Protein backbone atom coordinates (compact mmCIF):
# COMPACT_ATOMS: atom_id res chain seq x y z
CA MET A 1 22.05 68.57 70.66
CA LEU A 2 23.63 71.54 68.88
CA ALA A 3 21.42 74.34 70.19
CA GLU A 4 24.61 76.34 70.72
CA ARG A 5 26.73 76.48 67.54
CA TYR A 6 30.42 76.94 68.03
CA SER A 7 31.27 77.58 64.35
CA PHE A 8 34.75 76.16 64.64
CA MET A 9 34.92 72.95 62.67
CA PHE A 10 38.24 71.81 61.26
CA ASP A 11 39.11 68.69 59.31
CA PHE A 12 42.83 67.96 59.24
CA HIS A 13 42.78 64.86 57.02
CA THR A 14 41.50 64.92 53.41
CA HIS A 15 42.61 63.84 49.95
CA THR A 16 42.45 65.31 46.45
CA ILE A 17 43.20 64.00 42.96
CA LEU A 18 46.88 64.50 43.81
CA SER A 19 46.60 61.04 45.40
CA ASP A 20 43.43 58.94 45.53
CA GLY A 21 40.79 61.62 46.08
CA GLU A 22 38.05 62.56 43.61
CA LEU A 23 38.25 66.36 43.63
CA ILE A 24 40.79 69.01 42.74
CA PRO A 25 41.76 71.16 45.75
CA SER A 26 39.57 74.13 44.80
CA GLU A 27 36.39 72.05 44.64
CA LEU A 28 37.16 70.19 47.83
CA VAL A 29 37.80 73.43 49.72
CA ARG A 30 34.68 75.06 48.27
CA ARG A 31 32.51 72.09 49.27
CA ALA A 32 34.04 72.10 52.76
CA ALA A 33 33.17 75.79 53.13
CA ILE A 34 29.57 75.08 52.13
CA CYS A 35 29.43 72.36 54.80
CA GLY A 36 30.38 74.95 57.42
CA TYR A 37 34.07 74.15 57.83
CA GLU A 38 36.31 76.84 59.26
CA GLY A 39 39.38 75.17 57.82
CA ILE A 40 40.67 72.09 56.06
CA GLY A 41 43.94 70.20 55.85
CA LEU A 42 44.84 68.87 52.40
CA THR A 43 46.92 65.79 53.20
CA ASP A 44 47.41 63.60 50.16
CA HIS A 45 49.12 60.22 50.43
CA VAL A 46 52.88 60.31 49.92
CA ASP A 47 55.91 58.07 50.01
CA PHE A 48 59.41 58.69 48.63
CA SER A 49 58.20 58.34 45.04
CA ASN A 50 55.72 61.22 44.94
CA ILE A 51 56.34 63.57 47.85
CA ASP A 52 58.11 66.24 45.80
CA HIS A 53 55.33 66.39 43.20
CA VAL A 54 52.51 66.41 45.77
CA LEU A 55 54.07 69.08 47.95
CA THR A 56 54.87 71.35 45.02
CA ALA A 57 51.25 71.17 43.88
CA ILE A 58 49.48 71.19 47.23
CA LYS A 59 51.33 74.28 48.52
CA LYS A 60 49.73 76.26 45.68
CA SER A 61 46.33 75.57 47.26
CA LYS A 62 47.10 78.15 49.97
CA ILE A 63 45.71 80.83 47.66
CA LEU A 64 42.27 79.27 48.14
CA GLU A 65 42.10 80.92 51.57
CA GLU A 66 41.51 84.31 49.98
CA ASP A 67 39.42 82.86 47.15
CA ILE A 68 37.04 80.81 49.31
CA GLY A 69 37.40 82.26 52.78
CA ILE A 70 38.38 79.32 55.00
CA LYS A 71 41.77 78.30 56.35
CA VAL A 72 43.65 75.92 54.05
CA ILE A 73 46.54 73.88 55.44
CA PRO A 74 48.83 72.22 52.88
CA GLY A 75 50.10 68.92 54.23
CA ILE A 76 50.78 65.27 53.50
CA GLU A 77 49.87 61.83 54.82
CA ILE A 78 52.87 59.50 54.96
CA THR A 79 51.39 56.21 53.83
CA HIS A 80 52.65 52.60 53.90
CA VAL A 81 56.26 53.74 54.35
CA PRO A 82 58.51 51.24 56.19
CA PRO A 83 58.48 52.31 59.84
CA GLU A 84 62.23 52.83 60.06
CA LYS A 85 62.07 55.27 57.11
CA ILE A 86 59.26 57.44 58.46
CA GLU A 87 61.69 59.83 60.16
CA ARG A 88 63.51 60.50 56.88
CA LEU A 89 60.27 61.27 55.07
CA VAL A 90 59.00 63.50 57.88
CA SER A 91 62.21 65.50 57.64
CA LYS A 92 61.86 65.75 53.87
CA ALA A 93 58.26 66.92 54.24
CA LYS A 94 59.20 69.63 56.73
CA LYS A 95 62.01 70.88 54.52
CA GLY A 96 59.64 70.80 51.55
CA GLY A 97 57.18 73.13 53.23
CA ALA A 98 54.47 70.83 54.55
CA GLU A 99 52.53 72.70 57.22
CA LEU A 100 50.74 69.59 58.49
CA ILE A 101 52.21 66.09 58.78
CA VAL A 102 49.90 63.12 59.17
CA VAL A 103 51.06 59.50 59.32
CA HIS A 104 48.81 56.70 58.11
CA GLY A 105 48.38 54.56 61.23
CA GLU A 106 47.89 50.85 61.74
CA THR A 107 44.24 50.67 60.74
CA ILE A 108 42.79 47.15 60.89
CA SER A 109 41.31 47.57 57.39
CA GLU A 110 44.68 47.74 55.57
CA PRO A 111 47.95 45.78 55.79
CA VAL A 112 49.95 48.52 57.49
CA LYS A 113 53.30 47.28 58.74
CA ASN A 114 53.66 46.65 62.47
CA GLY A 115 55.68 49.36 64.16
CA THR A 116 54.26 52.20 62.07
CA ASN A 117 52.40 53.68 65.04
CA GLU A 118 55.45 53.55 67.27
CA TYR A 119 57.88 55.08 64.77
CA ALA A 120 55.42 57.85 63.89
CA LEU A 121 54.82 58.72 67.53
CA LYS A 122 58.54 58.92 68.29
CA ASN A 123 58.81 61.93 65.98
CA GLU A 124 57.75 65.25 67.48
CA ASP A 125 57.39 66.78 64.01
CA VAL A 126 54.41 64.51 63.31
CA ASP A 127 51.12 66.26 64.01
CA ILE A 128 48.52 63.50 63.69
CA LEU A 129 48.51 59.71 63.71
CA ALA A 130 45.56 58.85 61.49
CA HIS A 131 43.24 55.91 62.24
CA PRO A 132 45.73 54.18 64.57
CA GLY A 133 43.72 50.96 64.84
CA LEU A 134 44.31 48.86 67.93
CA ILE A 135 46.92 51.24 69.25
CA SER A 136 48.73 50.05 72.36
CA GLU A 137 48.66 51.87 75.68
CA LYS A 138 52.43 52.33 75.37
CA ASP A 139 52.09 54.05 72.01
CA ALA A 140 49.20 56.20 73.21
CA ALA A 141 51.39 57.35 76.09
CA LEU A 142 54.07 58.24 73.54
CA ALA A 143 51.48 60.32 71.66
CA ALA A 144 50.67 62.17 74.86
CA LYS A 145 54.35 62.76 75.63
CA ASN A 146 55.14 64.13 72.16
CA ASN A 147 51.88 66.07 71.77
CA ILE A 148 50.77 64.09 68.71
CA TYR A 149 47.04 63.91 68.10
CA LEU A 150 45.23 60.60 67.66
CA GLU A 151 42.41 60.44 65.16
CA ILE A 152 38.80 59.42 65.55
CA THR A 153 37.68 58.95 61.97
CA THR A 154 34.36 58.98 60.17
CA ARG A 155 35.74 56.82 57.35
CA ALA A 156 34.22 53.35 56.97
CA GLY A 157 36.56 50.52 57.91
CA HIS A 158 39.03 52.75 59.69
CA SER A 159 36.27 53.79 62.11
CA LEU A 160 35.81 50.27 63.47
CA THR A 161 38.41 50.92 66.19
CA ASN A 162 37.27 54.43 67.18
CA GLY A 163 36.04 53.21 70.55
CA HIS A 164 39.35 51.56 71.34
CA VAL A 165 41.31 54.64 70.25
CA ALA A 166 39.19 56.94 72.41
CA ARG A 167 39.43 54.68 75.45
CA VAL A 168 43.21 54.26 75.26
CA ALA A 169 43.72 57.96 74.54
CA LYS A 170 41.70 58.98 77.58
CA ALA A 171 43.64 56.58 79.79
CA SER A 172 47.00 57.90 78.57
CA GLY A 173 46.15 61.58 78.31
CA ALA A 174 46.62 61.67 74.53
CA LYS A 175 44.60 64.25 72.62
CA LEU A 176 41.95 63.31 70.07
CA LEU A 177 40.66 64.89 66.88
CA VAL A 178 37.73 63.95 64.64
CA ASN A 179 38.70 63.86 60.96
CA THR A 180 36.91 62.53 57.89
CA ASP A 181 39.74 61.15 55.74
CA THR A 182 37.66 62.57 52.89
CA HIS A 183 38.23 61.11 49.44
CA GLY A 184 35.07 62.39 47.76
CA PRO A 185 32.28 64.93 48.27
CA ARG A 186 30.05 62.42 50.09
CA ASP A 187 32.65 62.10 52.85
CA LEU A 188 32.37 65.68 54.10
CA ILE A 189 30.30 66.10 57.26
CA ASN A 190 28.60 68.76 59.36
CA GLU A 191 29.04 69.72 63.00
CA GLU A 192 26.26 67.48 64.25
CA PHE A 193 27.72 64.38 62.60
CA ALA A 194 31.19 65.19 63.92
CA LEU A 195 29.79 65.43 67.44
CA LYS A 196 27.86 62.18 67.08
CA THR A 197 30.99 60.44 65.83
CA ALA A 198 32.95 61.54 68.88
CA MET A 199 30.16 60.48 71.24
CA GLY A 200 29.77 57.22 69.36
CA ALA A 201 33.41 56.51 70.16
CA GLY A 202 32.49 56.65 73.85
CA LEU A 203 33.13 60.28 74.75
CA MET A 204 30.74 62.20 76.95
CA GLU A 205 29.11 65.22 75.29
CA ASP A 206 31.41 67.74 76.96
CA GLU A 207 34.45 65.67 75.97
CA ALA A 208 33.15 65.36 72.41
CA LYS A 209 32.64 69.12 72.15
CA ALA A 210 36.20 69.70 73.32
CA VAL A 211 37.48 67.33 70.65
CA ILE A 212 35.45 69.05 67.93
CA TYR A 213 35.80 72.69 68.93
CA GLU A 214 38.64 73.26 71.39
CA ILE A 215 41.46 70.82 70.65
CA PRO A 216 41.68 71.86 66.96
CA LYS A 217 42.47 75.41 68.12
CA GLU A 218 45.57 74.08 69.88
CA LEU A 219 46.79 72.39 66.71
CA ILE A 220 46.07 75.47 64.58
CA LYS A 221 48.21 77.60 66.90
CA ARG A 222 51.25 75.37 66.47
CA LEU A 223 51.07 75.01 62.70
């Protein structure tokens, strides 16, 4: 399936010990490089209580680019924040130097408050809506309008709605990314598994390759 290797694999959604991950940033980035990643987003969970601490620490991980040799993107994942307060936290994150802003979407495996998807997708400073669950067609259209990427995830539980997310995104013109939501070393993947995940969500092989290799380039350019 991967006779031609594209060597452009990015994962924009991972976690370190700065939230609920198992690894310090240097080990996570090193392990990602060994798996063949070209770049990785470090996006630990934040709300109003910990965003200053997480951002101060995670921005220091940028030095790992020269130490390890892959692109490192310091970011955050806004998690279980009341929908009406997401805009305030996005603004705080941007001012605090986050290069990548992910919002924890309405996955069916956690009690995320209704309206989180909508409020996240209203904000053009959001880059990715993670595991958006049973996202509505209206919200997917909002993602397309505001150029916010919807996530196909390899993470157990969150991945149960990948097929729905892919179908609704295709119908609305929203763009998709495959991310791992890595919390530990066993969560990192290779190119072949990323491609199979995209195809398992219902994408044709050419569509899956675009999601894995081409669409990430667009996001990298705007960060």
